[in-house]
Amino acid sequence: MAVYIKSRGRWSDAYMALIAPFRHRVVYPALLGRIGRLWAKRSPTSRRR
């Protein structure tokens, strides 16, 4: 997973620095957990008939 952000000046740099801990401790783990659960549901081993 990758997130690309284009800086739009000093304010965006400051904003990104301010929210970085929140993104790394809350947003990304929750997002990756959700993706992992969805992938686990769709895995071939869970589709046994």
N, C-alpha and C. Protein backbone atom coordinates (compact mmCIF):
# COMPACT_ATOMS: atom_id res chain seq x y z
N MET A 1 0.85 -1.16 0.00
CA MET A 1 0.00 0.00 0.00
C MET A 1 0.90 1.23 0.00
N ALA A 2 0.51 2.23 -0.75
CA ALA A 2 1.28 3.46 -0.80
C ALA A 2 0.33 4.65 -0.86
N VAL A 3 0.76 5.72 -0.25
CA VAL A 3 0.00 6.96 -0.29
C VAL A 3 0.96 8.03 -0.78
N TYR A 4 0.59 8.65 -1.86
CA TYR A 4 1.43 9.70 -2.42
C TYR A 4 0.77 11.05 -2.17
N ILE A 5 1.56 11.97 -1.63
CA ILE A 5 1.04 13.28 -1.28
C ILE A 5 1.95 14.34 -1.89
N LYS A 6 1.35 15.24 -2.60
CA LYS A 6 2.12 16.32 -3.20
C LYS A 6 2.04 17.53 -2.28
N SER A 7 3.18 18.02 -1.86
CA SER A 7 3.23 19.17 -0.97
C SER A 7 2.76 20.43 -1.70
N ARG A 8 1.95 21.19 -1.01
CA ARG A 8 1.44 22.44 -1.59
C ARG A 8 1.97 23.66 -0.84
N GLY A 9 3.04 23.47 -0.10
CA GLY A 9 3.64 24.60 0.60
C GLY A 9 3.89 24.30 2.07
N ARG A 10 4.23 25.32 2.81
CA ARG A 10 4.57 25.15 4.23
C ARG A 10 3.40 24.62 5.04
N TRP A 11 2.21 25.10 4.74
CA TRP A 11 1.06 24.67 5.54
C TRP A 11 0.79 23.19 5.38
N SER A 12 0.90 22.69 4.17
CA SER A 12 0.65 21.26 3.99
C SER A 12 1.75 20.42 4.65
N ASP A 13 2.98 20.90 4.63
CA ASP A 13 4.06 20.18 5.31
C ASP A 13 3.80 20.14 6.81
N ALA A 14 3.38 21.26 7.39
CA ALA A 14 3.09 21.31 8.82
C ALA A 14 1.89 20.43 9.16
N TYR A 15 0.87 20.47 8.33
CA TYR A 15 -0.32 19.66 8.55
C TYR A 15 0.02 18.17 8.52
N MET A 16 0.78 17.76 7.52
CA MET A 16 1.15 16.35 7.41
C MET A 16 1.99 15.90 8.60
N ALA A 17 2.87 16.76 9.07
CA ALA A 17 3.68 16.43 10.25
C ALA A 17 2.80 16.32 11.49
N LEU A 18 1.78 17.15 11.57
CA LEU A 18 0.89 17.14 12.73
C LEU A 18 0.03 15.87 12.77
N ILE A 19 -0.47 15.42 11.64
CA ILE A 19 -1.36 14.26 11.65
C ILE A 19 -0.64 12.93 11.46
N ALA A 20 0.66 12.95 11.23
CA ALA A 20 1.41 11.71 11.00
C ALA A 20 1.23 10.68 12.12
N PRO A 21 1.34 11.05 13.38
CA PRO A 21 1.16 10.03 14.42
C PRO A 21 -0.23 9.40 14.40
N PHE A 22 -1.25 10.18 14.15
CA PHE A 22 -2.61 9.67 14.07
C PHE A 22 -2.75 8.69 12.91
N ARG A 23 -2.20 9.05 11.77
CA ARG A 23 -2.29 8.16 10.61
C ARG A 23 -1.58 6.83 10.88
N HIS A 24 -0.40 6.91 11.49
CA HIS A 24 0.40 5.69 11.70
C HIS A 24 -0.12 4.82 12.83
N ARG A 25 -0.78 5.40 13.82
CA ARG A 25 -1.25 4.62 14.97
C ARG A 25 -2.72 4.23 14.89
N VAL A 26 -3.52 4.96 14.10
CA VAL A 26 -4.95 4.70 14.06
C VAL A 26 -5.42 4.31 12.66
N VAL A 27 -5.17 5.17 11.70
CA VAL A 27 -5.75 4.99 10.36
C VAL A 27 -5.16 3.77 9.64
N TYR A 28 -3.85 3.70 9.51
CA TYR A 28 -3.25 2.61 8.74
C TYR A 28 -3.49 1.24 9.36
N PRO A 29 -3.34 1.06 10.69
CA PRO A 29 -3.63 -0.27 11.24
C PRO A 29 -5.09 -0.69 11.02
N ALA A 30 -6.02 0.23 11.17
CA ALA A 30 -7.43 -0.10 10.94
C ALA A 30 -7.68 -0.46 9.48
N LEU A 31 -7.11 0.30 8.59
CA LEU A 31 -7.27 0.04 7.16
C LEU A 31 -6.68 -1.30 6.76
N LEU A 32 -5.46 -1.57 7.22
CA LEU A 32 -4.82 -2.84 6.87
C LEU A 32 -5.54 -4.02 7.52
N GLY A 33 -6.09 -3.84 8.72
CA GLY A 33 -6.86 -4.90 9.35
C GLY A 33 -8.11 -5.22 8.56
N ARG A 34 -8.78 -4.20 8.10
CA ARG A 34 -9.99 -4.42 7.30
C ARG A 34 -9.66 -5.12 5.98
N ILE A 35 -8.61 -4.69 5.33
CA ILE A 35 -8.20 -5.33 4.08
C ILE A 35 -7.84 -6.79 4.35
N GLY A 36 -7.13 -7.06 5.43
CA GLY A 36 -6.76 -8.43 5.77
C GLY A 36 -7.98 -9.31 6.00
N ARG A 37 -8.99 -8.79 6.71
CA ARG A 37 -10.21 -9.57 6.94
C ARG A 37 -10.95 -9.84 5.64
N LEU A 38 -11.00 -8.85 4.75
CA LEU A 38 -11.66 -9.07 3.46
C LEU A 38 -10.92 -10.11 2.63
N TRP A 39 -9.59 -10.04 2.62
CA TRP A 39 -8.81 -11.02 1.88
C TRP A 39 -9.00 -12.42 2.47
N ALA A 40 -9.07 -12.51 3.78
CA ALA A 40 -9.25 -13.83 4.41
C ALA A 40 -10.60 -14.43 4.02
N LYS A 41 -11.62 -13.59 3.89
CA LYS A 41 -12.92 -14.08 3.46
C LYS A 41 -12.87 -14.60 2.03
N ARG A 42 -12.05 -13.99 1.20
CA ARG A 42 -12.01 -14.34 -0.22
C ARG A 42 -10.94 -15.37 -0.54
N SER A 43 -10.18 -15.83 0.43
CA SER A 43 -9.09 -16.76 0.13
C SER A 43 -9.65 -18.10 -0.34
N PRO A 44 -8.93 -18.79 -1.21
CA PRO A 44 -9.40 -20.07 -1.75
C PRO A 44 -9.60 -21.13 -0.66
N THR A 45 -8.83 -21.09 0.41
CA THR A 45 -8.98 -22.10 1.46
C THR A 45 -10.28 -21.94 2.22
N SER A 46 -10.85 -20.74 2.22
CA SER A 46 -12.12 -20.55 2.93
C SER A 46 -13.32 -20.82 2.03
N ARG A 47 -13.07 -21.19 0.76
CA ARG A 47 -14.17 -21.44 -0.18
C ARG A 47 -14.43 -22.94 -0.39
N ARG A 48 -14.09 -23.74 0.58
CA ARG A 48 -14.32 -25.18 0.44
C ARG A 48 -15.80 -25.47 0.37
N ARG A 49 -16.18 -26.38 -0.51
CA ARG A 49 -17.61 -26.71 -0.69
C ARG A 49 -17.92 -28.09 -0.22
